[in-house]
Amino acid sequence: MSDKLVLKNMTFYGYHGAFAAEKEVGQKFEVDLEVHMDMQNIGDDTELAFNYVDAYTIIKEIVEEREFNLVETLAETIATQIFGMYDIREVTVRVRKIQVPLGGYLDYLEVEITRNSRPVIS
């Protein structure tokens, strides 16, 4: 059994990218979080449930208060933090960078990572 909880299209303003202008001006980032966990025995107990308010706050802090050169590292940091705080089986993080400086038009760049084992935090 794999129950899933999804936080879809959280939008934040951050300063991530390989170019100096991206870190100076910043831009909008969208984040999706999927967590797979056993929800069968939670009942109506808020203490046993996944705290999505805390998860949102953690993601917001990572995106808005830290700086990364790569959205891949941003996504990995979110996944590691969420996995380390909750009893979940699997986490998927999607980060969308809306304004990609590549000299042409596209809707967005998206990185998706899935982790299904606890990361080793050094």
PDB file of N, CA and C in Angstrom:
ATOM      1  N   MET A   1       0.849  -1.177   0.000  1.00  0.00           N
ATOM      2  CA  MET A   1       0.000   0.000   0.000  1.00  0.00           C
ATOM      3  C   MET A   1       0.893   1.238   0.000  1.00  0.00           C
ATOM      4  N   SER A   2       0.519   2.204  -0.800  1.00  0.00           N
ATOM      5  CA  SER A   2       1.282   3.446  -0.832  1.00  0.00           C
ATOM      6  C   SER A   2       0.330   4.628  -0.932  1.00  0.00           C
ATOM      7  N   ASP A   3       0.026   5.182   0.210  1.00  0.00           N
ATOM      8  CA  ASP A   3      -0.825   6.365   0.246  1.00  0.00           C
ATOM      9  C   ASP A   3       0.025   7.576  -0.079  1.00  0.00           C
ATOM     10  N   LYS A   4      -0.599   8.582  -0.659  1.00  0.00           N
ATOM     11  CA  LYS A   4       0.158   9.742  -1.118  1.00  0.00           C
ATOM     12  C   LYS A   4      -0.531  11.036  -0.698  1.00  0.00           C
ATOM     13  N   LEU A   5       0.270  11.975  -0.230  1.00  0.00           N
ATOM     14  CA  LEU A   5      -0.183  13.331   0.078  1.00  0.00           C
ATOM     15  C   LEU A   5       0.600  14.269  -0.835  1.00  0.00           C
ATOM     16  N   VAL A   6      -0.081  15.244  -1.444  1.00  0.00           N
ATOM     17  CA  VAL A   6       0.551  16.129  -2.418  1.00  0.00           C
ATOM     18  C   VAL A   6       0.323  17.588  -2.043  1.00  0.00           C
ATOM     19  N   LEU A   7       1.403  18.349  -2.051  1.00  0.00           N
ATOM     20  CA  LEU A   7       1.329  19.809  -1.983  1.00  0.00           C
ATOM     21  C   LEU A   7       1.734  20.292  -3.369  1.00  0.00           C
ATOM     22  N   LYS A   8       0.811  20.899  -4.093  1.00  0.00           N
ATOM     23  CA  LYS A   8       1.013  21.189  -5.513  1.00  0.00           C
ATOM     24  C   LYS A   8       1.154  22.682  -5.762  1.00  0.00           C
ATOM     25  N   ASN A   9       2.186  23.020  -6.516  1.00  0.00           N
ATOM     26  CA  ASN A   9       2.382  24.369  -7.047  1.00  0.00           C
ATOM     27  C   ASN A   9       2.542  25.443  -5.971  1.00  0.00           C
ATOM     28  N   MET A  10       3.344  25.135  -4.957  1.00  0.00           N
ATOM     29  CA  MET A  10       3.693  26.163  -3.975  1.00  0.00           C
ATOM     30  C   MET A  10       4.599  27.163  -4.699  1.00  0.00           C
ATOM     31  N   THR A  11       4.360  28.430  -4.523  1.00  0.00           N
ATOM     32  CA  THR A  11       5.104  29.447  -5.264  1.00  0.00           C
ATOM     33  C   THR A  11       5.881  30.340  -4.300  1.00  0.00           C
ATOM     34  N   PHE A  12       7.184  30.492  -4.607  1.00  0.00           N
ATOM     35  CA  PHE A  12       8.080  31.268  -3.757  1.00  0.00           C
ATOM     36  C   PHE A  12       8.967  32.145  -4.625  1.00  0.00           C
ATOM     37  N   TYR A  13       9.586  33.118  -4.008  1.00  0.00           N
ATOM     38  CA  TYR A  13      10.549  33.968  -4.695  1.00  0.00           C
ATOM     39  C   TYR A  13      11.918  33.670  -4.121  1.00  0.00           C
ATOM     40  N   GLY A  14      12.851  33.291  -4.993  1.00  0.00           N
ATOM     41  CA  GLY A  14      14.172  32.912  -4.521  1.00  0.00           C
ATOM     42  C   GLY A  14      15.281  33.430  -5.403  1.00  0.00           C
ATOM     43  N   TYR A  15      16.501  33.200  -4.961  1.00  0.00           N
ATOM     44  CA  TYR A  15      17.703  33.722  -5.622  1.00  0.00           C
ATOM     45  C   TYR A  15      18.632  32.569  -5.985  1.00  0.00           C
ATOM     46  N   HIS A  16      18.209  31.749  -6.931  1.00  0.00           N
ATOM     47  CA  HIS A  16      18.955  30.555  -7.317  1.00  0.00           C
ATOM     48  C   HIS A  16      19.311  30.632  -8.793  1.00  0.00           C
ATOM     49  N   GLY A  17      20.507  30.186  -9.121  1.00  0.00           N
ATOM     50  CA  GLY A  17      20.928  30.138 -10.515  1.00  0.00           C
ATOM     51  C   GLY A  17      22.428  30.278 -10.630  1.00  0.00           C
ATOM     52  N   ALA A  18      22.922  29.939 -11.792  1.00  0.00           N
ATOM     53  CA  ALA A  18      24.367  29.977 -12.042  1.00  0.00           C
ATOM     54  C   ALA A  18      24.851  31.373 -12.409  1.00  0.00           C
ATOM     55  N   PHE A  19      23.951  32.246 -12.825  1.00  0.00           N
ATOM     56  CA  PHE A  19      24.341  33.584 -13.256  1.00  0.00           C
ATOM     57  C   PHE A  19      24.153  34.606 -12.139  1.00  0.00           C
ATOM     58  N   ALA A  20      25.055  35.577 -12.089  1.00  0.00           N
ATOM     59  CA  ALA A  20      25.013  36.613 -11.043  1.00  0.00           C
ATOM     60  C   ALA A  20      23.683  37.351 -11.042  1.00  0.00           C
ATOM     61  N   ALA A  21      23.147  37.635 -12.220  1.00  0.00           N
ATOM     62  CA  ALA A  21      21.877  38.369 -12.311  1.00  0.00           C
ATOM     63  C   ALA A  21      20.737  37.600 -11.646  1.00  0.00           C
ATOM     64  N   GLU A  22      20.747  36.289 -11.753  1.00  0.00           N
ATOM     65  CA  GLU A  22      19.699  35.478 -11.133  1.00  0.00           C
ATOM     66  C   GLU A  22      19.752  35.587  -9.611  1.00  0.00           C
ATOM     67  N   LYS A  23      20.958  35.671  -9.087  1.00  0.00           N
ATOM     68  CA  LYS A  23      21.121  35.773  -7.638  1.00  0.00           C
ATOM     69  C   LYS A  23      20.883  37.192  -7.139  1.00  0.00           C
ATOM     70  N   GLU A  24      21.040  38.162  -8.023  1.00  0.00           N
ATOM     71  CA  GLU A  24      20.823  39.546  -7.632  1.00  0.00           C
ATOM     72  C   GLU A  24      19.346  39.938  -7.714  1.00  0.00           C
ATOM     73  N   VAL A  25      18.712  39.584  -8.819  1.00  0.00           N
ATOM     74  CA  VAL A  25      17.318  39.985  -9.050  1.00  0.00           C
ATOM     75  C   VAL A  25      16.335  38.982  -8.464  1.00  0.00           C
ATOM     76  N   GLY A  26      16.665  37.700  -8.553  1.00  0.00           N
ATOM     77  CA  GLY A  26      15.762  36.662  -8.074  1.00  0.00           C
ATOM     78  C   GLY A  26      14.654  36.385  -9.066  1.00  0.00           C
ATOM     79  N   GLN A  27      13.841  35.382  -8.739  1.00  0.00           N
ATOM     80  CA  GLN A  27      12.726  35.024  -9.607  1.00  0.00           C
ATOM     81  C   GLN A  27      11.779  34.079  -8.881  1.00  0.00           C
ATOM     82  N   LYS A  28      10.675  33.807  -9.534  1.00  0.00           N
ATOM     83  CA  LYS A  28       9.654  32.927  -8.982  1.00  0.00           C
ATOM     84  C   LYS A  28      10.036  31.462  -9.230  1.00  0.00           C
ATOM     85  N   PHE A  29       9.827  30.634  -8.204  1.00  0.00           N
ATOM     86  CA  PHE A  29      10.015  29.192  -8.294  1.00  0.00           C
ATOM     87  C   PHE A  29       8.736  28.516  -7.820  1.00  0.00           C
ATOM     88  N   GLU A  30       8.381  27.437  -8.483  1.00  0.00           N
ATOM     89  CA  GLU A  30       7.225  26.641  -8.085  1.00  0.00           C
ATOM     90  C   GLU A  30       7.727  25.285  -7.601  1.00  0.00           C
ATOM     91  N   VAL A  31       7.108  24.773  -6.544  1.00  0.00           N
ATOM     92  CA  VAL A  31       7.541  23.514  -5.945  1.00  0.00           C
ATOM     93  C   VAL A  31       6.331  22.623  -5.703  1.00  0.00           C
ATOM     94  N   ASP A  32       6.480  21.340  -6.069  1.00  0.00           N
ATOM     95  CA  ASP A  32       5.500  20.309  -5.728  1.00  0.00           C
ATOM     96  C   ASP A  32       6.177  19.338  -4.775  1.00  0.00           C
ATOM     97  N   LEU A  33       5.423  18.847  -3.818  1.00  0.00           N
ATOM     98  CA  LEU A  33       5.923  17.845  -2.886  1.00  0.00           C
ATOM     99  C   LEU A  33       4.929  16.697  -2.843  1.00  0.00           C
ATOM    100  N   GLU A  34       5.430  15.484  -3.043  1.00  0.00           N
ATOM    101  CA  GLU A  34       4.617  14.285  -2.876  1.00  0.00           C
ATOM    102  C   GLU A  34       5.284  13.411  -1.821  1.00  0.00           C
ATOM    103  N   VAL A  35       4.508  12.993  -0.846  1.00  0.00           N
ATOM    104  CA  VAL A  35       5.033  12.073   0.163  1.00  0.00           C
ATOM    105  C   VAL A  35       4.165  10.817   0.174  1.00  0.00           C
ATOM    106  N   HIS A  36       4.845   9.673   0.180  1.00  0.00           N
ATOM    107  CA  HIS A  36       4.168   8.380   0.265  1.00  0.00           C
ATOM    108  C   HIS A  36       4.382   7.862   1.676  1.00  0.00           C
ATOM    109  N   MET A  37       3.282   7.529   2.307  1.00  0.00           N
ATOM    110  CA  MET A  37       3.335   7.038   3.680  1.00  0.00           C
ATOM    111  C   MET A  37       2.107   6.203   3.956  1.00  0.00           C
ATOM    112  N   ASP A  38       2.141   5.447   5.035  1.00  0.00           N
ATOM    113  CA  ASP A  38       1.003   4.631   5.428  1.00  0.00           C
ATOM    114  C   ASP A  38       0.038   5.498   6.228  1.00  0.00           C
ATOM    115  N   MET A  39      -1.117   5.776   5.657  1.00  0.00           N
ATOM    116  CA  MET A  39      -2.124   6.608   6.331  1.00  0.00           C
ATOM    117  C   MET A  39      -3.251   5.775   6.935  1.00  0.00           C
ATOM    118  N   GLN A  40      -3.156   4.459   6.809  1.00  0.00           N
ATOM    119  CA  GLN A  40      -4.237   3.571   7.226  1.00  0.00           C
ATOM    120  C   GLN A  40      -4.539   3.665   8.713  1.00  0.00           C
ATOM    121  N   ASN A  41      -3.526   3.800   9.551  1.00  0.00           N
ATOM    122  CA  ASN A  41      -3.738   3.778  11.001  1.00  0.00           C
ATOM    123  C   ASN A  41      -3.708   5.159  11.644  1.00  0.00           C
ATOM    124  N   ILE A  42      -3.750   6.193  10.835  1.00  0.00           N
ATOM    125  CA  ILE A  42      -3.742   7.556  11.379  1.00  0.00           C
ATOM    126  C   ILE A  42      -5.070   7.889  12.045  1.00  0.00           C
ATOM    127  N   GLY A  43      -6.153   7.380  11.481  1.00  0.00           N
ATOM    128  CA  GLY A  43      -7.472   7.733  12.000  1.00  0.00           C
ATOM    129  C   GLY A  43      -7.697   9.217  11.820  1.00  0.00           C
ATOM    130  N   ASP A  44      -8.066   9.884  12.880  1.00  0.00           N
ATOM    131  CA  ASP A  44      -8.280  11.336  12.839  1.00  0.00           C
ATOM    132  C   ASP A  44      -7.311  12.027  13.797  1.00  0.00           C
ATOM    133  N   ASP A  45      -6.162  11.405  14.016  1.00  0.00           N
ATOM    134  CA  ASP A  45      -5.177  11.890  14.982  1.00  0.00           C
ATOM    135  C   ASP A  45      -4.186  12.833  14.301  1.00  0.00           C
ATOM    136  N   THR A  46      -4.256  14.102  14.641  1.00  0.00           N
ATOM    137  CA  THR A  46      -3.368  15.088  14.018  1.00  0.00           C
ATOM    138  C   THR A  46      -1.908  14.869  14.401  1.00  0.00           C
ATOM    139  N   GLU A  47      -1.662  14.204  15.518  1.00  0.00           N
ATOM    140  CA  GLU A  47      -0.284  13.921  15.934  1.00  0.00           C
ATOM    141  C   GLU A  47       0.372  12.874  15.039  1.00  0.00           C
ATOM    142  N   LEU A  48      -0.401  11.970  14.464  1.00  0.00           N
ATOM    143  CA  LEU A  48       0.130  10.917  13.608  1.00  0.00           C
ATOM    144  C   LEU A  48       0.166  11.321  12.135  1.00  0.00           C
ATOM    145  N   ALA A  49      -0.588  12.336  11.783  1.00  0.00           N
ATOM    146  CA  ALA A  49      -0.684  12.762  10.385  1.00  0.00           C
ATOM    147  C   ALA A  49       0.556  13.538   9.949  1.00  0.00           C
ATOM    148  N   PHE A  50       0.794  13.571   8.650  1.00  0.00           N
ATOM    149  CA  PHE A  50       1.872  14.380   8.075  1.00  0.00           C
ATOM    150  C   PHE A  50       1.498  15.848   8.254  1.00  0.00           C
ATOM    151  N   ASN A  51       2.390  16.628   8.828  1.00  0.00           N
ATOM    152  CA  ASN A  51       2.101  18.037   9.100  1.00  0.00           C
ATOM    153  C   ASN A  51       2.471  18.871   7.875  1.00  0.00           C
ATOM    154  N   TYR A  52       1.501  19.093   7.006  1.00  0.00           N
ATOM    155  CA  TYR A  52       1.783  19.811   5.765  1.00  0.00           C
ATOM    156  C   TYR A  52       2.008  21.297   5.982  1.00  0.00           C
ATOM    157  N   VAL A  53       1.539  21.854   7.081  1.00  0.00           N
ATOM    158  CA  VAL A  53       1.836  23.255   7.386  1.00  0.00           C
ATOM    159  C   VAL A  53       3.327  23.402   7.700  1.00  0.00           C
ATOM    160  N   ASP A  54       3.859  22.499   8.514  1.00  0.00           N
ATOM    161  CA  ASP A  54       5.299  22.515   8.798  1.00  0.00           C
ATOM    162  C   ASP A  54       6.121  22.257   7.539  1.00  0.00           C
ATOM    163  N   ALA A  55       5.675  21.304   6.709  1.00  0.00           N
ATOM    164  CA  ALA A  55       6.398  21.005   5.469  1.00  0.00           C
ATOM    165  C   ALA A  55       6.443  22.236   4.568  1.00  0.00           C
ATOM    166  N   TYR A  56       5.329  22.930   4.427  1.00  0.00           N
ATOM    167  CA  TYR A  56       5.283  24.154   3.619  1.00  0.00           C
ATOM    168  C   TYR A  56       6.270  25.186   4.169  1.00  0.00           C
ATOM    169  N   THR A  57       6.280  25.356   5.471  1.00  0.00           N
ATOM    170  CA  THR A  57       7.172  26.328   6.108  1.00  0.00           C
ATOM    171  C   THR A  57       8.638  25.979   5.868  1.00  0.00           C
ATOM    172  N   ILE A  58       8.978  24.706   5.970  1.00  0.00           N
ATOM    173  CA  ILE A  58      10.349  24.257   5.723  1.00  0.00           C
ATOM    174  C   ILE A  58      10.754  24.551   4.282  1.00  0.00           C
ATOM    175  N   ILE A  59       9.885  24.211   3.343  1.00  0.00           N
ATOM    176  CA  ILE A  59      10.181  24.434   1.927  1.00  0.00           C
ATOM    177  C   ILE A  59      10.314  25.927   1.642  1.00  0.00           C
ATOM    178  N   LYS A  60       9.421  26.714   2.193  1.00  0.00           N
ATOM    179  CA  LYS A  60       9.479  28.171   2.017  1.00  0.00           C
ATOM    180  C   LYS A  60      10.816  28.728   2.507  1.00  0.00           C
ATOM    181  N   GLU A  61      11.254  28.292   3.677  1.00  0.00           N
ATOM    182  CA  GLU A  61      12.531  28.764   4.225  1.00  0.00           C
ATOM    183  C   GLU A  61      13.707  28.371   3.331  1.00  0.00           C
ATOM    184  N   ILE A  62      13.698  27.134   2.831  1.00  0.00           N
ATOM    185  CA  ILE A  62      14.790  26.685   1.965  1.00  0.00           C
ATOM    186  C   ILE A  62      14.829  27.498   0.677  1.00  0.00           C
ATOM    187  N   VAL A  63      13.680  27.686   0.040  1.00  0.00           N
ATOM    188  CA  VAL A  63      13.643  28.395  -1.244  1.00  0.00           C
ATOM    189  C   VAL A  63      13.929  29.881  -1.074  1.00  0.00           C
ATOM    190  N   GLU A  64      13.365  30.500  -0.047  1.00  0.00           N
ATOM    191  CA  GLU A  64      13.459  31.953   0.082  1.00  0.00           C
ATOM    192  C   GLU A  64      14.674  32.443   0.860  1.00  0.00           C
ATOM    193  N   GLU A  65      15.259  31.607   1.704  1.00  0.00           N
ATOM    194  CA  GLU A  65      16.344  32.092   2.559  1.00  0.00           C
ATOM    195  C   GLU A  65      17.717  31.529   2.211  1.00  0.00           C
ATOM    196  N   ARG A  66      17.776  30.552   1.326  1.00  0.00           N
ATOM    197  CA  ARG A  66      19.063  29.993   0.921  1.00  0.00           C
ATOM    198  C   ARG A  66      19.298  30.277  -0.552  1.00  0.00           C
ATOM    199  N   GLU A  67      20.532  30.104  -1.005  1.00  0.00           N
ATOM    200  CA  GLU A  67      20.858  30.313  -2.413  1.00  0.00           C
ATOM    201  C   GLU A  67      21.603  29.094  -2.944  1.00  0.00           C
ATOM    202  N   PHE A  68      21.191  28.639  -4.126  1.00  0.00           N
ATOM    203  CA  PHE A  68      21.825  27.505  -4.785  1.00  0.00           C
ATOM    204  C   PHE A  68      22.141  27.879  -6.227  1.00  0.00           C
ATOM    205  N   ASN A  69      23.215  27.322  -6.753  1.00  0.00           N
ATOM    206  CA  ASN A  69      23.530  27.510  -8.162  1.00  0.00           C
ATOM    207  C   ASN A  69      22.596  26.681  -9.039  1.00  0.00           C
ATOM    208  N   LEU A  70      22.224  25.501  -8.562  1.00  0.00           N
ATOM    209  CA  LEU A  70      21.441  24.559  -9.353  1.00  0.00           C
ATOM    210  C   LEU A  70      20.087  24.271  -8.708  1.00  0.00           C
ATOM    211  N   VAL A  71      19.041  24.199  -9.536  1.00  0.00           N
ATOM    212  CA  VAL A  71      17.731  23.812  -9.006  1.00  0.00           C
ATOM    213  C   VAL A  71      17.754  22.347  -8.572  1.00  0.00           C
ATOM    214  N   GLU A  72      18.672  21.555  -9.139  1.00  0.00           N
ATOM    215  CA  GLU A  72      18.828  20.171  -8.714  1.00  0.00           C
ATOM    216  C   GLU A  72      19.215  20.094  -7.232  1.00  0.00           C
ATOM    217  N   THR A  73      20.115  20.970  -6.823  1.00  0.00           N
ATOM    218  CA  THR A  73      20.548  21.013  -5.421  1.00  0.00           C
ATOM    219  C   THR A  73      19.430  21.531  -4.529  1.00  0.00           C
ATOM    220  N   LEU A  74      18.678  22.487  -5.017  1.00  0.00           N
ATOM    221  CA  LEU A  74      17.514  22.993  -4.279  1.00  0.00           C
ATOM    222  C   LEU A  74      16.524  21.858  -4.027  1.00  0.00           C
ATOM    223  N   ALA A  75      16.199  21.090  -5.054  1.00  0.00           N
ATOM    224  CA  ALA A  75      15.259  19.976  -4.914  1.00  0.00           C
ATOM    225  C   ALA A  75      15.796  18.913  -3.958  1.00  0.00           C
ATOM    226  N   GLU A  76      17.073  18.596  -4.075  1.00  0.00           N
ATOM    227  CA  GLU A  76      17.691  17.588  -3.198  1.00  0.00           C
ATOM    228  C   GLU A  76      17.664  18.038  -1.739  1.00  0.00           C
ATOM    229  N   THR A  77      17.922  19.309  -1.497  1.00  0.00           N
ATOM    230  CA  THR A  77      17.897  19.848  -0.132  1.00  0.00           C
ATOM    231  C   THR A  77      16.503  19.734   0.469  1.00  0.00           C
ATOM    232  N   ILE A  78      15.496  20.053  -0.316  1.00  0.00           N
ATOM    233  CA  ILE A  78      14.102  19.932   0.158  1.00  0.00           C
ATOM    234  C   ILE A  78      13.795  18.472   0.488  1.00  0.00           C
ATOM    235  N   ALA A  79      14.130  17.561  -0.425  1.00  0.00           N
ATOM    236  CA  ALA A  79      13.843  16.135  -0.211  1.00  0.00           C
ATOM    237  C   ALA A  79      14.539  15.611   1.040  1.00  0.00           C
ATOM    238  N   THR A  80      15.802  15.952   1.207  1.00  0.00           N
ATOM    239  CA  THR A  80      16.565  15.492   2.365  1.00  0.00           C
ATOM    240  C   THR A  80      15.956  16.006   3.663  1.00  0.00           C
ATOM    241  N   GLN A  81      15.570  17.257   3.676  1.00  0.00           N
ATOM    242  CA  GLN A  81      14.989  17.861   4.885  1.00  0.00           C
ATOM    243  C   GLN A  81      13.653  17.202   5.232  1.00  0.00           C
ATOM    244  N   ILE A  82      12.792  17.032   4.257  1.00  0.00           N
ATOM    245  CA  ILE A  82      11.473  16.431   4.503  1.00  0.00           C
ATOM    246  C   ILE A  82      11.627  14.972   4.939  1.00  0.00           C
ATOM    247  N   PHE A  83      12.490  14.232   4.255  1.00  0.00           N
ATOM    248  CA  PHE A  83      12.700  12.822   4.600  1.00  0.00           C
ATOM    249  C   PHE A  83      13.245  12.685   6.015  1.00  0.00           C
ATOM    250  N   GLY A  84      14.088  13.604   6.413  1.00  0.00           N
ATOM    251  CA  GLY A  84      14.684  13.531   7.739  1.00  0.00           C
ATOM    252  C   GLY A  84      13.731  13.878   8.875  1.00  0.00           C
ATOM    253  N   MET A  85      12.642  14.529   8.565  1.00  0.00           N
ATOM    254  CA  MET A  85      11.731  14.997   9.619  1.00  0.00           C
ATOM    255  C   MET A  85      10.477  14.147   9.808  1.00  0.00           C
ATOM    256  N   TYR A  86      10.144  13.331   8.800  1.00  0.00           N
ATOM    257  CA  TYR A  86       8.869  12.622   8.853  1.00  0.00           C
ATOM    258  C   TYR A  86       9.068  11.129   8.579  1.00  0.00           C
ATOM    259  N   ASP A  87       8.155  10.330   9.071  1.00  0.00           N
ATOM    260  CA  ASP A  87       8.171   8.893   8.838  1.00  0.00           C
ATOM    261  C   ASP A  87       7.422   8.618   7.533  1.00  0.00           C
ATOM    262  N   ILE A  88       8.145   8.716   6.437  1.00  0.00           N
ATOM    263  CA  ILE A  88       7.548   8.533   5.121  1.00  0.00           C
ATOM    264  C   ILE A  88       8.332   7.476   4.354  1.00  0.00           C
ATOM    265  N   ARG A  89       7.689   6.876   3.365  1.00  0.00           N
ATOM    266  CA  ARG A  89       8.327   5.829   2.558  1.00  0.00           C
ATOM    267  C   ARG A  89       9.080   6.410   1.368  1.00  0.00           C
ATOM    268  N   GLU A  90       8.532   7.475   0.823  1.00  0.00           N
ATOM    269  CA  GLU A  90       9.109   8.029  -0.402  1.00  0.00           C
ATOM    270  C   GLU A  90       8.736   9.503  -0.494  1.00  0.00           C
ATOM    271  N   VAL A  91       9.628  10.274  -1.089  1.00  0.00           N
ATOM    272  CA  VAL A  91       9.350  11.685  -1.320  1.00  0.00           C
ATOM    273  C   VAL A  91       9.727  12.025  -2.758  1.00  0.00           C
ATOM    274  N   THR A  92       8.858  12.794  -3.406  1.00  0.00           N
ATOM    275  CA  THR A  92       9.155  13.330  -4.729  1.00  0.00           C
ATOM    276  C   THR A  92       9.049  14.842  -4.641  1.00  0.00           C
ATOM    277  N   VAL A  93      10.062  15.509  -5.156  1.00  0.00           N
ATOM    278  CA  VAL A  93      10.086  16.973  -5.174  1.00  0.00           C
ATOM    279  C   VAL A  93      10.246  17.419  -6.619  1.00  0.00           C
ATOM    280  N   ARG A  94       9.408  18.340  -7.028  1.00  0.00           N
ATOM    281  CA  ARG A  94       9.531  18.980  -8.335  1.00  0.00           C
ATOM    282  C   ARG A  94       9.756  20.464  -8.108  1.00  0.00           C
ATOM    283  N   VAL A  95      10.780  21.004  -8.746  1.00  0.00           N
ATOM    284  CA  VAL A  95      11.056  22.438  -8.681  1.00  0.00           C
ATOM    285  C   VAL A  95      11.006  22.967 -10.102  1.00  0.00           C
ATOM    286  N   ARG A  96      10.203  24.003 -10.307  1.00  0.00           N
ATOM    287  CA  ARG A  96      10.097  24.646 -11.609  1.00  0.00           C
ATOM    288  C   ARG A  96      10.702  26.040 -11.552  1.00  0.00           C
ATOM    289  N   LYS A  97      11.594  26.293 -12.480  1.00  0.00           N
ATOM    290  CA  LYS A  97      12.210  27.607 -12.645  1.00  0.00           C
ATOM    291  C   LYS A  97      11.500  28.246 -13.838  1.00  0.00           C
ATOM    292  N   ILE A  98      10.824  29.347 -13.580  1.00  0.00           N
ATOM    293  CA  ILE A  98       9.946  29.929 -14.592  1.00  0.00           C
ATOM    294  C   ILE A  98      10.713  30.738 -15.636  1.00  0.00           C
ATOM    295  N   GLN A  99      11.688  31.501 -15.210  1.00  0.00           N
ATOM    296  CA  GLN A  99      12.436  32.354 -16.132  1.00  0.00           C
ATOM    297  C   GLN A  99      13.842  31.779 -16.310  1.00  0.00           C
ATOM    298  N   VAL A 100      14.030  31.047 -17.388  1.00  0.00           N
ATOM    299  CA  VAL A 100      15.313  30.395 -17.639  1.00  0.00           C
ATOM    300  C   VAL A 100      16.081  31.205 -18.681  1.00  0.00           C
ATOM    301  N   PRO A 101      17.270  31.709 -18.320  1.00  0.00           N
ATOM    302  CA  PRO A 101      18.038  32.533 -19.256  1.00  0.00           C
ATOM    303  C   PRO A 101      18.768  31.675 -20.288  1.00  0.00           C
ATOM    304  N   LEU A 102      18.060  31.327 -21.374  1.00  0.00           N
ATOM    305  CA  LEU A 102      18.694  30.493 -22.382  1.00  0.00           C
ATOM    306  C   LEU A 102      18.600  31.080 -23.788  1.00  0.00           C
ATOM    307  N   GLY A 103      18.107  32.286 -23.901  1.00  0.00           N
ATOM    308  CA  GLY A 103      18.063  32.948 -25.200  1.00  0.00           C
ATOM    309  C   GLY A 103      16.888  32.552 -26.070  1.00  0.00           C
ATOM    310  N   GLY A 104      15.899  31.936 -25.494  1.00  0.00           N
ATOM    311  CA  GLY A 104      14.700  31.531 -26.231  1.00  0.00           C
ATOM    312  C   GLY A 104      13.534  31.375 -25.273  1.00  0.00           C
ATOM    313  N   TYR A 105      12.408  30.940 -25.798  1.00  0.00           N
ATOM    314  CA  TYR A 105      11.197  30.818 -24.996  1.00  0.00           C
ATOM    315  C   TYR A 105      10.949  29.362 -24.600  1.00  0.00           C
ATOM    316  N   LEU A 106      10.566  29.174 -23.370  1.00  0.00           N
ATOM    317  CA  LEU A 106      10.008  27.921 -22.885  1.00  0.00           C
ATOM    318  C   LEU A 106       9.146  28.241 -21.682  1.00  0.00           C
ATOM    319  N   ASP A 107       8.217  27.353 -21.366  1.00  0.00           N
ATOM    320  CA  ASP A 107       7.328  27.590 -20.223  1.00  0.00           C
ATOM    321  C   ASP A 107       8.099  27.589 -18.913  1.00  0.00           C
ATOM    322  N   TYR A 108       8.921  26.581 -18.702  1.00  0.00           N
ATOM    323  CA  TYR A 108       9.705  26.475 -17.478  1.00  0.00           C
ATOM    324  C   TYR A 108      10.682  25.322 -17.606  1.00  0.00           C
ATOM    325  N   LEU A 109      11.654  25.312 -16.719  1.00  0.00           N
ATOM    326  CA  LEU A 109      12.547  24.181 -16.529  1.00  0.00           C
ATOM    327  C   LEU A 109      12.074  23.482 -15.262  1.00  0.00           C
ATOM    328  N   GLU A 110      11.977  22.165 -15.299  1.00  0.00           N
ATOM    329  CA  GLU A 110      11.525  21.432 -14.122  1.00  0.00           C
ATOM    330  C   GLU A 110      12.512  20.318 -13.783  1.00  0.00           C
ATOM    331  N   VAL A 111      12.847  20.237 -12.508  1.00  0.00           N
ATOM    332  CA  VAL A 111      13.663  19.151 -11.981  1.00  0.00           C
ATOM    333  C   VAL A 111      12.754  18.319 -11.082  1.00  0.00           C
ATOM    334  N   GLU A 112      12.793  17.008 -11.255  1.00  0.00           N
ATOM    335  CA  GLU A 112      12.028  16.101 -10.403  1.00  0.00           C
ATOM    336  C   GLU A 112      12.967  15.057  -9.828  1.00  0.00           C
ATOM    337  N   ILE A 113      12.940  14.932  -8.517  1.00  0.00           N
ATOM    338  CA  ILE A 113      13.730  13.885  -7.866  1.00  0.00           C
ATOM    339  C   ILE A 113      12.817  13.071  -6.952  1.00  0.00           C
ATOM    340  N   THR A 114      13.105  11.797  -6.868  1.00  0.00           N
ATOM    341  CA  THR A 114      12.372  10.891  -5.984  1.00  0.00           C
ATOM    342  C   THR A 114      13.389  10.150  -5.134  1.00  0.00           C
ATOM    343  N   ARG A 115      13.150  10.135  -3.847  1.00  0.00           N
ATOM    344  CA  ARG A 115      14.014   9.419  -2.915  1.00  0.00           C
ATOM    345  C   ARG A 115      13.144   8.463  -2.109  1.00  0.00           C
ATOM    346  N   ASN A 116      13.601   7.218  -2.006  1.00  0.00           N
ATOM    347  CA  ASN A 116      12.811   6.229  -1.251  1.00  0.00           C
ATOM    348  C   ASN A 116      13.632   5.499  -0.204  1.00  0.00           C
ATOM    349  N   SER A 117      14.737   6.100   0.178  1.00  0.00           N
ATOM    350  CA  SER A 117      15.489   5.613   1.331  1.00  0.00           C
ATOM    351  C   SER A 117      16.059   6.813   2.062  1.00  0.00           C
ATOM    352  N   ARG A 118      16.246   6.652   3.310  1.00  0.00           N
ATOM    353  CA  ARG A 118      16.730   7.770   4.124  1.00  0.00           C
ATOM    354  C   ARG A 118      18.111   8.188   3.685  1.00  0.00           C
ATOM    355  N   PRO A 119      18.305   9.482   3.446  1.00  0.00           N
ATOM    356  CA  PRO A 119      19.634   9.963   3.064  1.00  0.00           C
ATOM    357  C   PRO A 119      20.581   9.950   4.265  1.00  0.00           C
ATOM    358  N   VAL A 120      21.847   9.806   3.982  1.00  0.00           N
ATOM    359  CA  VAL A 120      22.856   9.886   5.024  1.00  0.00           C
ATOM    360  C   VAL A 120      23.224  11.347   5.167  1.00  0.00           C
ATOM    361  N   ILE A 121      22.948  11.916   6.330  1.00  0.00           N
ATOM    362  CA  ILE A 121      23.231  13.330   6.583  1.00  0.00           C
ATOM    363  C   ILE A 121      24.516  13.420   7.383  1.00  0.00           C
ATOM    364  N   SER A 122      25.504  14.076   6.788  1.00  0.00           N
ATOM    365  CA  SER A 122      26.793  14.180   7.486  1.00  0.00           C
ATOM    366  C   SER A 122      26.942  15.505   8.174  1.00  0.00           C
TER     367      SER A 122
END
